[in-house]
Amino acid sequence: MLQTQKFMFTSGFATQVIAPVGQGQPDFVSAPVHWVSTVIAAHPVAWNVPFAAVQLLLGAGLLVRSTARVALAASIAWALGVWYFGEGLGGLASGHASLITGAPGAALLYAILAAAAWPRADAAQEAPARWLPFAWTAVWLGGAILQVLPRQDSGRSVASAITAGTDGGPAHLAHLTASAGSWAAHHGLLTVVVLTVLEVLIGVGALVRATRVPSVVLGLSLTLDFWVLGQHFGMLYSGQATDPDTAAPLALMAIALLASGSGQEPLHEHATKVAVQPRAVANL
């Protein structure tokens, strides 16, 4: 639905949304992004109509069991294409990416969630893929690494990440981000250390079932903080947003992990094990 906003049918979609993501990045990222933005800018309406239609069809296809597999497969391909050509690999090659500002890119997280939601042969098994905690860990440990890279490891860099892009936004949001940015700038070392330690704990904690729930809850809380302070609600108020940014899919990943992180064995799996062990049942 965001793709059907009036702005998306103008050349501004290409020049103001897509083109900037390639700036300051290596040629293998910037060149394809520049090419795509140039092609779209030449005929914005002709390109945006199918863009919106494809996304609406994918969304509808996910809601129908008979088309879910096809829609998930197509959404993975679409998301990876958007991640490269529309998000510039989430800015990971720029040296300025962080979880605060939306790394590793919303589209990549959409692809991961689509793979984790792939229907299993057993229709009764609705839990997400068992490898999802490892994906969560990779995101947060990757975020910790990004946070300590040069040009990222100072209070000023964190403050810049928090306050960038607030022009034209709600006054109360600008005031909140300005206050948070000022605090981060004046407590640089503390800010970087706390963020890095929290991201490591959130990532590693998800690998141990006993600590999965508290670490994921902490990650969900920090994700929502990033959504407000660094991602500014995905700038949904601007009329130029293409998605709600990485906080939404990361929060969905957290909810999926919480739903499967109790450590209790699913009832149908327990029943299956009992059924194939008649002697154990007889002994009982």
Protein backbone atom coordinates (compact mmCIF):
# COMPACT_ATOMS: atom_id res chain seq x y z
CA MET A 1 0.00 0.00 0.00
CA LEU A 2 2.89 2.36 0.68
CA GLN A 3 4.02 1.81 -2.92
CA THR A 4 0.74 3.32 -4.11
CA GLN A 5 1.42 6.71 -2.49
CA LYS A 6 1.31 9.61 -4.94
CA PHE A 7 5.02 10.33 -4.53
CA MET A 8 5.96 6.86 -5.76
CA PHE A 9 4.56 7.62 -9.21
CA THR A 10 6.98 10.51 -9.68
CA SER A 11 10.67 10.59 -10.56
CA GLY A 12 11.33 11.56 -6.95
CA PHE A 13 10.93 7.92 -5.97
CA ALA A 14 14.01 7.11 -8.01
CA THR A 15 16.06 10.22 -7.32
CA GLN A 16 15.22 10.78 -3.65
CA VAL A 17 14.58 7.27 -2.33
CA ILE A 18 16.62 4.81 -4.40
CA ALA A 19 19.60 6.82 -5.67
CA PRO A 20 20.80 8.04 -2.25
CA VAL A 21 21.32 4.48 -0.93
CA GLY A 22 24.18 4.00 -3.37
CA GLN A 23 26.08 7.13 -2.33
CA GLY A 24 29.36 6.49 -0.54
CA GLN A 25 29.28 2.77 -1.31
CA PRO A 26 31.67 0.65 -3.43
CA ASP A 27 31.08 0.45 -7.18
CA PHE A 28 29.57 -3.04 -7.01
CA VAL A 29 26.76 -1.50 -4.97
CA SER A 30 26.55 2.07 -6.23
CA ALA A 31 26.68 1.24 -9.96
CA PRO A 32 23.63 -1.08 -10.04
CA VAL A 33 21.68 1.26 -7.74
CA HIS A 34 22.49 4.23 -9.98
CA TRP A 35 21.45 2.29 -13.08
CA VAL A 36 18.14 1.21 -11.53
CA SER A 37 17.34 4.72 -10.31
CA THR A 38 18.09 6.15 -13.76
CA VAL A 39 15.85 3.62 -15.51
CA ILE A 40 12.95 4.18 -13.10
CA ALA A 41 13.29 7.98 -13.21
CA ALA A 42 12.78 7.91 -16.98
CA HIS A 43 9.33 6.25 -16.71
CA PRO A 44 8.24 6.32 -13.05
CA VAL A 45 4.56 5.49 -13.58
CA ALA A 46 5.26 2.61 -15.94
CA TRP A 47 7.60 1.06 -13.38
CA ASN A 48 5.72 1.81 -10.19
CA VAL A 49 2.44 0.24 -11.30
CA PRO A 50 3.96 -3.26 -11.57
CA PHE A 51 6.02 -2.64 -8.42
CA ALA A 52 2.86 -2.01 -6.42
CA ALA A 53 0.93 -4.81 -8.14
CA VAL A 54 3.61 -7.42 -7.45
CA GLN A 55 3.76 -6.55 -3.76
CA LEU A 56 -0.03 -6.60 -3.39
CA LEU A 57 -0.19 -9.99 -5.12
CA LEU A 58 2.55 -11.39 -2.89
CA GLY A 59 0.70 -10.20 0.20
CA ALA A 60 -2.57 -11.75 -0.98
CA GLY A 61 -0.84 -14.99 -1.95
CA LEU A 62 0.62 -15.40 1.52
CA LEU A 63 -2.87 -15.47 3.03
CA VAL A 64 -4.03 -18.47 0.99
CA ARG A 65 -2.63 -21.88 1.96
CA SER A 66 -2.70 -23.22 -1.61
CA THR A 67 -0.55 -20.35 -2.88
CA ALA A 68 1.58 -19.76 0.21
CA ARG A 69 4.62 -21.68 -1.03
CA VAL A 70 4.69 -19.91 -4.38
CA ALA A 71 4.15 -16.54 -2.71
CA LEU A 72 6.91 -17.20 -0.15
CA ALA A 73 9.37 -18.27 -2.84
CA ALA A 74 8.53 -15.24 -4.97
CA SER A 75 8.73 -12.93 -1.96
CA ILE A 76 12.24 -14.19 -1.15
CA ALA A 77 13.40 -13.46 -4.70
CA TRP A 78 11.66 -10.06 -4.66
CA ALA A 79 13.07 -9.13 -1.25
CA LEU A 80 16.64 -10.01 -2.21
CA GLY A 81 16.31 -7.96 -5.39
CA VAL A 82 15.00 -4.99 -3.40
CA TRP A 83 17.78 -5.45 -0.84
CA TYR A 84 20.43 -5.13 -3.55
CA PHE A 85 18.97 -2.62 -6.00
CA GLY A 86 16.64 -0.66 -3.72
CA GLU A 87 18.44 -0.72 -0.35
CA GLY A 88 22.04 -0.98 -1.50
CA LEU A 89 22.61 -4.10 0.65
CA GLY A 90 21.29 -2.20 3.64
CA GLY A 91 24.34 0.09 3.54
CA LEU A 92 26.54 -2.69 4.95
CA ALA A 93 29.39 -1.80 2.59
CA SER A 94 29.29 1.91 3.40
CA GLY A 95 31.04 1.75 6.76
CA HIS A 96 28.21 3.73 8.37
CA ALA A 97 25.57 1.03 8.86
CA SER A 98 24.22 0.17 12.28
CA LEU A 99 21.18 -1.45 13.81
CA ILE A 100 20.12 2.00 14.96
CA THR A 101 19.66 3.25 11.41
CA GLY A 102 18.27 0.06 9.87
CA ALA A 103 21.05 -2.42 9.13
CA PRO A 104 21.11 -5.04 7.71
CA GLY A 105 18.15 -3.84 5.66
CA ALA A 106 14.44 -4.54 6.00
CA ALA A 107 14.25 -6.48 2.73
CA LEU A 108 16.89 -8.98 3.88
CA LEU A 109 14.91 -9.61 7.06
CA TYR A 110 11.76 -10.14 4.97
CA ALA A 111 13.59 -12.84 3.02
CA ILE A 112 14.79 -14.51 6.24
CA LEU A 113 11.29 -14.48 7.73
CA ALA A 114 9.81 -15.89 4.53
CA ALA A 115 12.28 -18.78 4.64
CA ALA A 116 11.56 -19.35 8.35
CA ALA A 117 7.82 -19.44 7.66
CA TRP A 118 8.12 -22.01 4.86
CA PRO A 119 5.29 -24.58 5.31
CA ARG A 120 6.46 -27.98 6.52
CA ALA A 121 5.26 -31.38 5.37
CA ASP A 122 3.52 -31.81 8.71
CA ALA A 123 0.63 -29.35 8.53
CA ALA A 124 0.25 -29.50 12.30
CA GLN A 125 3.72 -28.07 12.83
CA GLU A 126 3.26 -24.30 12.78
CA ALA A 127 6.47 -23.35 14.61
CA PRO A 128 9.03 -21.29 12.68
CA ALA A 129 12.19 -22.92 11.35
CA ARG A 130 14.56 -24.21 14.03
CA TRP A 131 17.42 -22.16 12.61
CA LEU A 132 15.65 -18.86 13.29
CA PRO A 133 17.51 -18.27 16.61
CA PHE A 134 20.79 -18.44 14.67
CA ALA A 135 19.52 -15.79 12.25
CA TRP A 136 18.56 -13.61 15.24
CA THR A 137 22.04 -14.12 16.71
CA ALA A 138 23.70 -13.23 13.41
CA VAL A 139 21.75 -9.97 13.18
CA TRP A 140 22.62 -8.84 16.71
CA LEU A 141 26.25 -9.96 16.74
CA GLY A 142 26.62 -8.33 13.33
CA GLY A 143 25.15 -5.17 14.82
CA ALA A 144 27.70 -5.28 17.65
CA ILE A 145 30.54 -5.59 15.12
CA LEU A 146 29.19 -2.68 13.09
CA GLN A 147 28.95 -0.58 16.25
CA VAL A 148 32.67 -0.86 17.06
CA LEU A 149 33.96 -0.20 13.55
CA PRO A 150 35.92 3.02 12.94
CA ARG A 151 33.64 6.04 12.44
CA GLN A 152 30.95 4.15 14.35
CA ASP A 153 32.57 3.82 17.75
CA SER A 154 31.98 7.28 19.16
CA GLY A 155 29.20 9.16 20.86
CA ARG A 156 29.05 11.61 17.98
CA SER A 157 28.47 8.84 15.45
CA VAL A 158 25.66 7.42 17.59
CA ALA A 159 24.18 10.90 18.02
CA SER A 160 24.33 11.44 14.27
CA ALA A 161 22.59 8.11 13.65
CA ILE A 162 19.84 9.04 16.09
CA THR A 163 19.16 12.55 14.80
CA ALA A 164 19.65 12.12 11.04
CA GLY A 165 16.52 12.34 8.92
CA THR A 166 14.24 14.10 11.38
CA ASP A 167 13.73 17.14 9.12
CA GLY A 168 10.09 17.53 8.26
CA GLY A 169 8.97 15.11 10.95
CA PRO A 170 6.69 15.71 13.94
CA ALA A 171 8.02 18.32 16.37
CA HIS A 172 7.78 16.04 19.40
CA LEU A 173 9.80 13.34 17.60
CA ALA A 174 12.48 15.85 16.62
CA HIS A 175 12.70 17.04 20.24
CA LEU A 176 12.98 13.48 21.54
CA THR A 177 15.70 12.48 19.09
CA ALA A 178 17.60 15.72 19.70
CA SER A 179 17.61 15.04 23.44
CA ALA A 180 18.73 11.43 22.96
CA GLY A 181 21.41 12.51 20.50
CA SER A 182 22.73 15.15 22.88
CA TRP A 183 22.97 12.61 25.69
CA ALA A 184 24.80 10.13 23.47
CA ALA A 185 27.25 12.79 22.30
CA HIS A 186 28.12 13.74 25.89
CA HIS A 187 28.47 10.11 27.05
CA GLY A 188 30.24 8.68 24.03
CA LEU A 189 32.23 5.81 25.51
CA LEU A 190 29.41 4.72 27.80
CA THR A 191 26.91 4.81 24.95
CA VAL A 192 29.03 2.68 22.62
CA VAL A 193 29.98 0.18 25.33
CA VAL A 194 26.40 -0.26 26.54
CA LEU A 195 25.03 -0.67 23.02
CA THR A 196 27.72 -3.17 22.06
CA VAL A 197 27.37 -5.24 25.23
CA LEU A 198 23.58 -5.31 24.95
CA GLU A 199 23.72 -6.42 21.31
CA VAL A 200 26.17 -9.21 22.15
CA LEU A 201 24.05 -10.43 25.07
CA ILE A 202 20.88 -10.32 22.98
CA GLY A 203 22.52 -12.32 20.22
CA VAL A 204 24.30 -14.94 22.33
CA GLY A 205 21.42 -15.33 24.79
CA ALA A 206 19.08 -16.55 22.05
CA LEU A 207 21.27 -19.61 21.44
CA VAL A 208 20.60 -21.00 24.92
CA ARG A 209 17.03 -22.09 25.55
CA ALA A 210 17.21 -21.11 29.22
CA THR A 211 18.09 -17.50 28.36
CA ARG A 212 16.26 -17.19 25.06
CA VAL A 213 13.12 -15.52 26.36
CA PRO A 214 14.82 -12.75 28.42
CA SER A 215 17.35 -12.04 25.66
CA VAL A 216 14.65 -11.83 22.99
CA VAL A 217 12.48 -9.60 25.20
CA LEU A 218 15.48 -7.32 25.67
CA GLY A 219 16.09 -7.38 21.93
CA LEU A 220 12.47 -6.52 21.22
CA SER A 221 12.66 -3.56 23.61
CA LEU A 222 15.86 -2.28 22.04
CA THR A 223 14.40 -2.79 18.57
CA LEU A 224 11.44 -0.58 19.43
CA ASP A 225 13.83 2.04 20.83
CA PHE A 226 15.75 2.00 17.54
CA TRP A 227 12.48 2.30 15.62
CA VAL A 228 11.66 5.52 17.44
CA LEU A 229 15.07 7.14 17.86
CA GLY A 230 17.08 6.02 14.84
CA GLN A 231 14.52 4.93 12.26
CA HIS A 232 11.85 7.49 13.17
CA PHE A 233 8.95 5.05 12.72
CA GLY A 234 10.24 4.26 9.23
CA MET A 235 9.28 7.85 8.34
CA LEU A 236 5.79 6.59 7.59
CA TYR A 237 4.55 10.15 8.10
CA SER A 238 6.63 11.48 5.17
CA GLY A 239 4.57 10.14 2.28
CA GLN A 240 7.79 8.70 0.83
CA ALA A 241 8.26 5.58 2.97
CA THR A 242 8.41 2.22 1.19
CA ASP A 243 8.28 0.12 4.39
CA PRO A 244 8.30 0.60 8.18
CA ASP A 245 12.08 -0.10 8.28
CA THR A 246 13.89 -2.99 9.93
CA ALA A 247 12.25 -2.69 13.35
CA ALA A 248 8.99 -4.25 12.13
CA PRO A 249 10.45 -7.50 10.71
CA LEU A 250 12.95 -7.74 13.58
CA ALA A 251 10.09 -7.37 16.07
CA LEU A 252 8.17 -10.07 14.21
CA MET A 253 11.22 -12.32 14.44
CA ALA A 254 11.32 -11.68 18.18
CA ILE A 255 7.64 -12.59 18.56
CA ALA A 256 8.18 -15.83 16.62
CA LEU A 257 11.11 -16.74 18.86
CA LEU A 258 9.12 -15.97 22.01
CA ALA A 259 6.27 -18.16 20.82
CA SER A 260 8.63 -21.11 20.37
CA GLY A 261 11.04 -20.37 23.23
CA SER A 262 9.24 -21.82 26.23
CA GLY A 263 11.27 -24.99 26.11
CA GLN A 264 8.14 -27.18 26.28
CA GLU A 265 7.84 -29.98 23.77
CA PRO A 266 4.88 -29.59 21.38
CA LEU A 267 2.02 -31.90 22.39
CA HIS A 268 1.77 -33.65 19.02
CA GLU A 269 5.51 -34.47 19.04
CA HIS A 270 5.24 -35.88 22.58
CA ALA A 271 2.27 -38.01 21.57
CA THR A 272 4.20 -39.36 18.58
CA LYS A 273 7.13 -40.40 20.79
CA VAL A 274 4.81 -42.16 23.25
CA ALA A 275 3.04 -43.94 20.41
CA VAL A 276 6.27 -45.48 19.12
CA GLN A 277 7.37 -46.62 22.58
CA PRO A 278 4.71 -49.15 23.71
CA ARG A 279 7.01 -50.85 26.20
CA ALA A 280 7.58 -47.60 28.03
CA VAL A 281 3.86 -47.08 28.20
CA ALA A 282 3.33 -50.63 29.49
CA ASN A 283 5.93 -50.10 32.20
CA LEU A 284 4.17 -46.95 33.29
